[in-house]
Amino acid sequence: MMNSTPYYLVGSIAVCALVTFAEDAGRVSVPDDPMSRPTEYGIRFTPKMARGMSDIFARHVCVHHYKLDESRVDEASEAIARRLMELAHANDRDQRGQELAEFAIGEVFNELAKSRNGRGLDGLPRNLGMGIGKRILPMMPDLRECVRNVGQDLRPMLAMKEQLKLGRDLILIKTGLDAFEANMKLWAAGDVDPHANPFEPRDKEIETDENGESQALKMARSRAQDDLEKQWSEWEKYVEQAKAFYEFDESQSATAGSVLRELTERARSVVQDETWHKQAYRNRVWASMFWALRLGRNNPLRECIEEHYREMAQPIKDLEEELKHRIDQIPTQAQRGAAQQRIMAALIEQGFEPDQGASGE
């Protein structure tokens, strides 16, 4: 399974392959009926877009993941941007990117309209998968070439140890692209697995370690532990924002900090309870493994798992509400009034009229 960094690279490159191009305003003479033709100008992929995407990748992936020297960030960013533009222009030929984007967007809207509530699709519809497969396959050679070129450009900018890491990631990307292309061939032929990861081989044999654990289970265990440790991760931000919003003085800030510490310790005592922790951890592992089972997001099992966790997490939610209530008791009436005036001033700046009715009349 590819880790998040190779996925980020492939995702960035894929955007370039999918951006639409339609600039030939004088292709044919068309009638006046607007429903008789599409618009003639599409979304272009510009060098500025390419540089923005590549700069994010260079600064937040290459520097942190590959230890790229920050003095070479601009050089790396420009090299990647150039490769993205090459890919974009390659898919500008015969409007391949445009055709794929138009088909996918139109088909998704059609499927959403037919769905029960219009809020989401439970898996990939067969017609959508077939159309995507047929349109993506011609793009694969250019996509692979772009990945190779980006790797070749980055390699000499990295230390030897990081070059080896990049090499391993490129192997993972190639493995994912091989599986992706094989799946696209199946999709194009109508063999669409609605809940499968297209970057994983179909009917892949599940590999286990010496303890009999699959990679999916290991990731599920890691995510479960993260979920339990994030129970109160936003509480500190809430308190800091309350301090700024009400302009707490030093004494009030100390009181807020004391409340935060007390509630956090009480939350920890819930999580550290052996019975609670065991059941919650198991629930979160199940929630993560659910997606590996390919049952579809609307399967009743998913709701059962989440409902059980909501019940288990209620004591933490109650503590969160207590935290917010107690923090809200700290500001004086004058501080509340001043905060309200600042909000009203900001609303008026946006054109809000204090005396206007709810309808805006």
Protein backbone atom coordinates (compact mmCIF):
# COMPACT_ATOMS: atom_id res chain seq x y z
CA MET A 1 0.00 0.00 0.00
CA MET A 2 1.34 3.42 -0.89
CA ASN A 3 2.00 5.86 1.93
CA SER A 4 0.61 9.38 1.95
CA THR A 5 3.61 11.06 0.33
CA PRO A 6 3.53 9.05 -2.93
CA TYR A 7 -0.25 9.52 -3.01
CA TYR A 8 0.25 13.28 -2.72
CA LEU A 9 2.61 13.26 -5.68
CA VAL A 10 0.30 11.15 -7.83
CA GLY A 11 -2.69 13.26 -6.78
CA SER A 12 -0.96 16.50 -7.75
CA ILE A 13 0.06 15.08 -11.10
CA ALA A 14 -3.41 13.67 -11.73
CA VAL A 15 -4.97 17.12 -11.33
CA CYS A 16 -2.95 18.26 -14.32
CA ALA A 17 -4.18 15.33 -16.36
CA LEU A 18 -7.80 16.13 -15.54
CA VAL A 19 -7.89 19.92 -16.02
CA THR A 20 -10.06 20.85 -18.98
CA PHE A 21 -8.91 22.78 -22.00
CA ALA A 22 -11.33 24.44 -24.44
CA GLU A 23 -10.17 27.60 -26.14
CA ASP A 24 -11.22 27.20 -29.76
CA ALA A 25 -14.12 29.62 -29.80
CA GLY A 26 -14.62 29.40 -33.55
CA ARG A 27 -14.70 25.67 -34.08
CA VAL A 28 -18.18 25.42 -35.63
CA SER A 29 -21.16 27.58 -36.38
CA VAL A 30 -23.80 26.86 -33.75
CA PRO A 31 -27.50 27.68 -33.41
CA ASP A 32 -28.75 30.18 -30.84
CA ASP A 33 -30.46 27.63 -28.58
CA PRO A 34 -28.20 27.44 -25.46
CA MET A 35 -29.21 23.82 -24.89
CA SER A 36 -27.88 22.80 -28.29
CA ARG A 37 -24.19 23.13 -27.44
CA PRO A 38 -21.66 23.19 -24.59
CA THR A 39 -19.77 26.32 -23.62
CA GLU A 40 -16.66 26.92 -25.71
CA TYR A 41 -14.19 27.97 -23.02
CA GLY A 42 -13.06 25.61 -20.29
CA ILE A 43 -10.71 25.70 -17.33
CA ARG A 44 -7.12 26.14 -18.39
CA PHE A 45 -4.15 24.88 -16.43
CA THR A 46 -1.74 27.79 -16.16
CA PRO A 47 1.95 28.04 -15.18
CA LYS A 48 0.84 29.92 -12.07
CA MET A 49 -1.33 26.96 -11.03
CA ALA A 50 1.54 24.58 -11.71
CA ARG A 51 3.95 26.67 -9.67
CA GLY A 52 1.49 26.92 -6.79
CA MET A 53 0.98 23.16 -6.66
CA SER A 54 4.68 22.39 -7.04
CA ASP A 55 5.62 24.93 -4.38
CA ILE A 56 3.32 23.21 -1.88
CA PHE A 57 4.89 19.86 -2.73
CA ALA A 58 8.44 21.19 -2.54
CA ARG A 59 7.97 22.99 0.77
CA HIS A 60 5.71 20.56 2.61
CA VAL A 61 6.81 17.21 1.21
CA CYS A 62 10.32 17.51 -0.18
CA VAL A 63 11.63 19.53 2.77
CA HIS A 64 9.97 17.51 5.53
CA HIS A 65 9.91 14.04 3.99
CA TYR A 66 13.09 14.07 1.92
CA LYS A 67 15.06 16.66 3.95
CA LEU A 68 15.52 18.87 0.89
CA ASP A 69 17.82 21.80 1.65
CA GLU A 70 15.58 24.87 1.87
CA SER A 71 18.00 26.77 -0.36
CA ARG A 72 16.93 24.47 -3.21
CA VAL A 73 13.16 24.69 -2.68
CA ASP A 74 12.65 27.20 -5.49
CA GLU A 75 14.75 25.10 -7.86
CA ALA A 76 12.77 21.95 -7.01
CA SER A 77 9.46 23.77 -7.27
CA GLU A 78 10.25 25.17 -10.72
CA ALA A 79 11.43 21.77 -11.98
CA ILE A 80 8.23 20.06 -10.80
CA ALA A 81 6.06 22.86 -12.21
CA ARG A 82 7.71 22.41 -15.60
CA ARG A 83 6.90 18.67 -15.54
CA LEU A 84 3.29 19.39 -14.55
CA MET A 85 2.90 21.79 -17.45
CA GLU A 86 4.39 19.21 -19.83
CA LEU A 87 1.78 16.70 -18.64
CA ALA A 88 -1.00 19.25 -18.93
CA HIS A 89 -0.05 20.14 -22.51
CA ALA A 90 0.25 16.45 -23.40
CA ASN A 91 -3.34 15.93 -22.32
CA ASP A 92 -4.41 19.08 -24.11
CA ARG A 93 -3.96 17.06 -27.31
CA ASP A 94 -7.34 15.95 -28.64
CA GLN A 95 -8.97 17.47 -25.53
CA ARG A 96 -8.39 14.24 -23.56
CA GLY A 97 -8.43 15.94 -20.17
CA GLN A 98 -11.44 18.01 -21.12
CA GLU A 99 -13.41 14.99 -22.30
CA LEU A 100 -12.66 13.03 -19.11
CA ALA A 101 -13.60 15.93 -16.84
CA GLU A 102 -16.83 16.69 -18.72
CA PHE A 103 -17.88 13.05 -18.72
CA ALA A 104 -17.07 12.46 -15.04
CA ILE A 105 -18.76 15.63 -13.79
CA GLY A 106 -21.90 15.08 -15.87
CA GLU A 107 -22.17 11.41 -14.90
CA VAL A 108 -21.66 12.11 -11.21
CA PHE A 109 -24.44 14.72 -11.25
CA ASN A 110 -26.75 12.26 -13.03
CA GLU A 111 -26.03 9.57 -10.46
CA LEU A 112 -26.51 11.97 -7.56
CA ALA A 113 -29.87 13.02 -8.99
CA LYS A 114 -30.96 9.37 -9.02
CA SER A 115 -29.67 8.67 -5.50
CA ARG A 116 -31.93 8.62 -2.50
CA ASN A 117 -30.98 12.00 -1.04
CA GLY A 118 -28.56 13.52 -3.54
CA ARG A 119 -25.83 13.70 -0.89
CA GLY A 120 -23.43 11.01 -2.01
CA LEU A 121 -22.85 7.84 -3.99
CA ASP A 122 -22.50 4.47 -2.33
CA GLY A 123 -19.62 3.22 -4.41
CA LEU A 124 -18.73 3.76 -8.04
CA PRO A 125 -21.60 3.27 -10.53
CA ARG A 126 -20.76 0.91 -13.39
CA ASN A 127 -21.38 3.43 -16.21
CA LEU A 128 -19.20 6.02 -14.49
CA GLY A 129 -16.40 3.51 -13.95
CA MET A 130 -16.53 2.30 -17.55
CA GLY A 131 -16.37 5.82 -18.94
CA ILE A 132 -13.52 6.84 -16.64
CA GLY A 133 -11.54 3.70 -17.48
CA LYS A 134 -11.85 4.22 -21.23
CA ARG A 135 -10.79 7.86 -20.98
CA ILE A 136 -7.93 7.44 -18.50
CA LEU A 137 -6.11 4.62 -20.26
CA PRO A 138 -4.77 6.85 -23.10
CA MET A 139 -3.36 9.20 -20.44
CA MET A 140 -1.33 6.58 -18.59
CA PRO A 141 1.91 6.81 -20.62
CA ASP A 142 2.14 10.56 -20.08
CA LEU A 143 1.29 10.15 -16.39
CA ARG A 144 4.05 7.57 -15.94
CA GLU A 145 6.55 9.71 -17.80
CA CYS A 146 5.74 12.70 -15.59
CA VAL A 147 6.33 10.65 -12.43
CA ARG A 148 9.68 9.40 -13.79
CA ASN A 149 10.77 12.89 -14.79
CA VAL A 150 9.87 14.40 -11.41
CA GLY A 151 11.90 11.67 -9.72
CA GLN A 152 14.88 12.30 -11.99
CA ASP A 153 14.70 16.03 -11.34
CA LEU A 154 14.53 15.66 -7.56
CA ARG A 155 17.11 12.92 -7.08
CA PRO A 156 20.31 15.01 -7.57
CA MET A 157 18.98 17.66 -5.16
CA LEU A 158 18.83 15.17 -2.26
CA ALA A 159 21.39 13.58 0.03
CA MET A 160 22.22 9.95 -0.73
CA LYS A 161 20.07 8.60 2.10
CA GLU A 162 17.10 10.64 0.91
CA GLN A 163 17.69 9.54 -2.69
CA LEU A 164 17.22 5.96 -1.50
CA LYS A 165 13.98 6.98 0.23
CA LEU A 166 12.77 8.68 -2.94
CA GLY A 167 13.70 5.55 -4.91
CA ARG A 168 11.60 3.39 -2.59
CA ASP A 169 8.67 5.79 -2.91
CA LEU A 170 8.94 5.76 -6.70
CA ILE A 171 8.78 1.96 -6.64
CA LEU A 172 5.63 2.22 -4.53
CA ILE A 173 4.18 4.73 -6.98
CA LYS A 174 4.98 2.46 -9.94
CA THR A 175 3.32 -0.45 -8.14
CA GLY A 176 0.26 1.70 -7.52
CA LEU A 177 0.16 2.92 -11.12
CA ASP A 178 0.50 -0.66 -12.40
CA ALA A 179 -2.48 -1.68 -10.29
CA PHE A 180 -4.35 1.46 -11.32
CA GLU A 181 -3.85 0.81 -15.03
CA ALA A 182 -4.89 -2.83 -14.64
CA ASN A 183 -8.03 -1.72 -12.84
CA MET A 184 -8.77 0.90 -15.48
CA LYS A 185 -8.67 -1.87 -18.11
CA LEU A 186 -11.17 -3.84 -16.05
CA TRP A 187 -13.35 -0.78 -15.59
CA ALA A 188 -13.26 0.01 -19.30
CA ALA A 189 -14.50 -3.53 -19.98
CA GLY A 190 -17.38 -3.07 -17.53
CA ASP A 191 -15.86 -5.00 -14.63
CA VAL A 192 -16.21 -2.26 -11.99
CA ASP A 193 -15.72 -3.08 -8.31
CA PRO A 194 -17.74 -0.22 -6.73
CA HIS A 195 -15.89 -0.11 -3.40
CA ALA A 196 -12.33 -1.10 -4.31
CA ASN A 197 -9.24 1.08 -4.09
CA PRO A 198 -8.23 1.54 -7.75
CA PHE A 199 -4.55 1.72 -6.75
CA GLU A 200 -4.59 -1.80 -5.31
CA PRO A 201 -4.52 -4.99 -7.41
CA ARG A 202 -7.86 -6.74 -7.84
CA ASP A 203 -8.14 -9.92 -5.73
CA LYS A 204 -4.85 -9.04 -4.09
CA GLU A 205 -3.59 -11.72 -1.74
CA ILE A 206 -3.58 -10.35 1.78
CA GLU A 207 -0.06 -10.41 3.15
CA THR A 208 0.45 -10.84 6.88
CA ASP A 209 3.47 -10.46 9.14
CA GLU A 210 4.89 -12.92 11.65
CA ASN A 211 2.01 -12.08 14.00
CA GLY A 212 -0.60 -12.76 11.33
CA GLU A 213 -1.52 -9.07 10.96
CA SER A 214 -2.17 -7.46 7.59
CA GLN A 215 -0.98 -3.96 6.70
CA ALA A 216 -4.61 -2.80 6.77
CA LEU A 217 -4.98 -4.05 10.34
CA LYS A 218 -1.77 -2.34 11.42
CA MET A 219 -2.99 0.95 9.96
CA ALA A 220 -6.39 0.45 11.61
CA ARG A 221 -4.73 -0.07 14.99
CA SER A 222 -2.66 3.10 14.54
CA ARG A 223 -5.71 5.13 13.50
CA ALA A 224 -7.72 3.76 16.44
CA GLN A 225 -5.07 4.87 18.91
CA ASP A 226 -4.93 8.30 17.27
CA ASP A 227 -8.73 8.60 17.49
CA LEU A 228 -8.72 7.89 21.21
CA GLU A 229 -5.94 10.41 21.84
CA LYS A 230 -7.78 13.13 19.89
CA GLN A 231 -10.84 13.09 22.15
CA TRP A 232 -10.02 16.53 23.52
CA SER A 233 -7.52 17.76 20.95
CA GLU A 234 -9.58 20.87 20.10
CA TRP A 235 -10.23 21.97 23.69
CA GLU A 236 -7.04 23.98 24.01
CA LYS A 237 -7.82 25.85 20.77
CA TYR A 238 -11.29 26.67 22.09
CA VAL A 239 -9.84 28.12 25.29
CA GLU A 240 -7.23 30.16 23.39
CA GLN A 241 -9.89 31.56 21.08
CA ALA A 242 -12.08 32.44 24.08
CA LYS A 243 -9.17 34.32 25.64
CA ALA A 244 -8.73 36.36 22.48
CA PHE A 245 -12.45 36.82 21.85
CA TYR A 246 -13.21 38.18 25.34
CA GLU A 247 -9.74 39.73 25.82
CA PHE A 248 -9.14 37.96 29.12
CA ASP A 249 -6.73 39.55 31.56
CA GLU A 250 -3.93 37.56 33.21
CA SER A 251 -6.12 36.36 36.07
CA GLN A 252 -8.93 35.28 33.78
CA SER A 253 -6.49 33.47 31.50
CA ALA A 254 -5.12 31.61 34.50
CA THR A 255 -8.65 30.59 35.49
CA ALA A 256 -9.35 29.38 31.95
CA GLY A 257 -6.12 27.38 31.96
CA SER A 258 -7.07 25.80 35.28
CA VAL A 259 -10.49 24.79 33.94
CA LEU A 260 -8.86 23.29 30.84
CA ARG A 261 -6.41 21.24 32.93
CA GLU A 262 -9.15 19.98 35.23
CA LEU A 263 -11.49 18.90 32.41
CA THR A 264 -8.62 17.37 30.44
CA GLU A 265 -7.59 15.25 33.44
CA ARG A 266 -11.17 14.12 33.94
CA ALA A 267 -11.36 13.18 30.26
CA ARG A 268 -8.12 11.22 30.58
CA SER A 269 -9.55 9.29 33.50
CA VAL A 270 -12.43 8.17 31.27
CA VAL A 271 -10.12 7.09 28.47
CA GLN A 272 -7.72 5.35 30.84
CA ASP A 273 -10.45 3.19 32.32
CA GLU A 274 -9.42 -0.29 31.21
CA THR A 275 -12.89 -1.49 30.21
CA TRP A 276 -13.76 1.73 28.36
CA HIS A 277 -10.42 1.87 26.55
CA LYS A 278 -10.60 -1.76 25.44
CA GLN A 279 -14.11 -1.41 24.02
CA ALA A 280 -13.48 1.99 22.40
CA TYR A 281 -10.21 0.85 20.86
CA ARG A 282 -11.87 -2.24 19.41
CA ASN A 283 -14.70 -0.10 18.02
CA ARG A 284 -12.28 2.27 16.30
CA VAL A 285 -10.33 -0.63 14.82
CA TRP A 286 -13.59 -2.02 13.44
CA ALA A 287 -14.53 1.42 12.07
CA SER A 288 -11.24 1.63 10.18
CA MET A 289 -11.30 -1.98 8.98
CA PHE A 290 -14.86 -1.50 7.71
CA TRP A 291 -13.52 0.20 4.58
CA ALA A 292 -11.20 -2.72 3.86
CA LEU A 293 -14.26 -4.99 3.75
CA ARG A 294 -15.69 -3.07 0.73
CA LEU A 295 -19.25 -3.18 2.01
CA GLY A 296 -20.23 0.32 0.89
CA ARG A 297 -20.58 3.44 3.02
CA ASN A 298 -24.33 2.93 3.58
CA ASN A 299 -24.03 -0.60 4.95
CA PRO A 300 -25.94 -0.91 8.29
CA LEU A 301 -22.80 -2.25 9.97
CA ARG A 302 -21.15 1.15 9.65
CA GLU A 303 -24.01 2.91 11.42
CA CYS A 304 -24.03 0.29 14.18
CA ILE A 305 -20.30 0.82 14.78
CA GLU A 306 -20.62 4.62 14.81
CA GLU A 307 -23.73 4.64 17.00
CA HIS A 308 -21.96 2.46 19.54
CA TYR A 309 -19.00 4.82 19.56
CA ARG A 310 -21.23 7.88 19.96
CA GLU A 311 -22.70 6.28 23.07
CA MET A 312 -19.26 5.46 24.43
CA ALA A 313 -17.93 8.95 23.72
CA GLN A 314 -20.85 10.70 25.42
CA PRO A 315 -18.98 11.17 28.74
CA ILE A 316 -16.25 13.04 26.82
CA LYS A 317 -18.88 15.13 25.03
CA ASP A 318 -20.46 15.98 28.37
CA LEU A 319 -17.09 17.15 29.68
CA GLU A 320 -16.62 19.26 26.55
CA GLU A 321 -19.96 20.97 27.13
CA GLU A 322 -18.99 21.59 30.76
CA LEU A 323 -15.70 23.10 29.62
CA LYS A 324 -17.42 25.50 27.24
CA HIS A 325 -20.02 26.47 29.84
CA ARG A 326 -17.42 27.20 32.51
CA ILE A 327 -15.18 29.17 30.15
CA ASP A 328 -18.21 31.20 29.09
CA GLN A 329 -18.79 32.18 32.74
CA ILE A 330 -15.38 33.86 33.06
CA PRO A 331 -15.83 37.13 31.06
CA THR A 332 -17.42 40.15 32.71
CA GLN A 333 -20.54 41.74 31.31
CA ALA A 334 -18.40 44.56 29.93
CA GLN A 335 -16.17 42.08 28.11
CA ARG A 336 -19.23 40.36 26.65
CA GLY A 337 -20.58 43.69 25.43
CA ALA A 338 -17.25 44.68 23.88
CA ALA A 339 -16.95 41.32 22.12
CA GLN A 340 -20.47 41.69 20.76
CA GLN A 341 -19.69 45.17 19.47
CA ARG A 342 -16.61 43.89 17.64
CA ILE A 343 -18.68 41.18 15.99
CA MET A 344 -21.38 43.67 15.03
CA ALA A 345 -18.79 46.00 13.52
CA ALA A 346 -17.39 43.15 11.47
CA LEU A 347 -20.89 42.25 10.26
CA ILE A 348 -21.63 45.87 9.32
CA GLU A 349 -18.41 45.88 7.29
CA GLN A 350 -19.91 43.02 5.28
CA GLY A 351 -23.09 45.02 4.60
CA PHE A 352 -25.25 43.72 7.45
CA GLU A 353 -27.77 46.23 8.75
CA PRO A 354 -28.47 45.74 12.48
CA ASP A 355 -32.14 46.64 12.21
CA GLN A 356 -32.98 44.62 9.11
CA GLY A 357 -35.39 41.71 9.48
CA ALA A 358 -34.56 38.06 9.10
CA SER A 359 -35.67 38.13 5.47
CA GLY A 360 -33.28 40.97 4.69
CA GLU A 361 -36.14 43.34 3.91
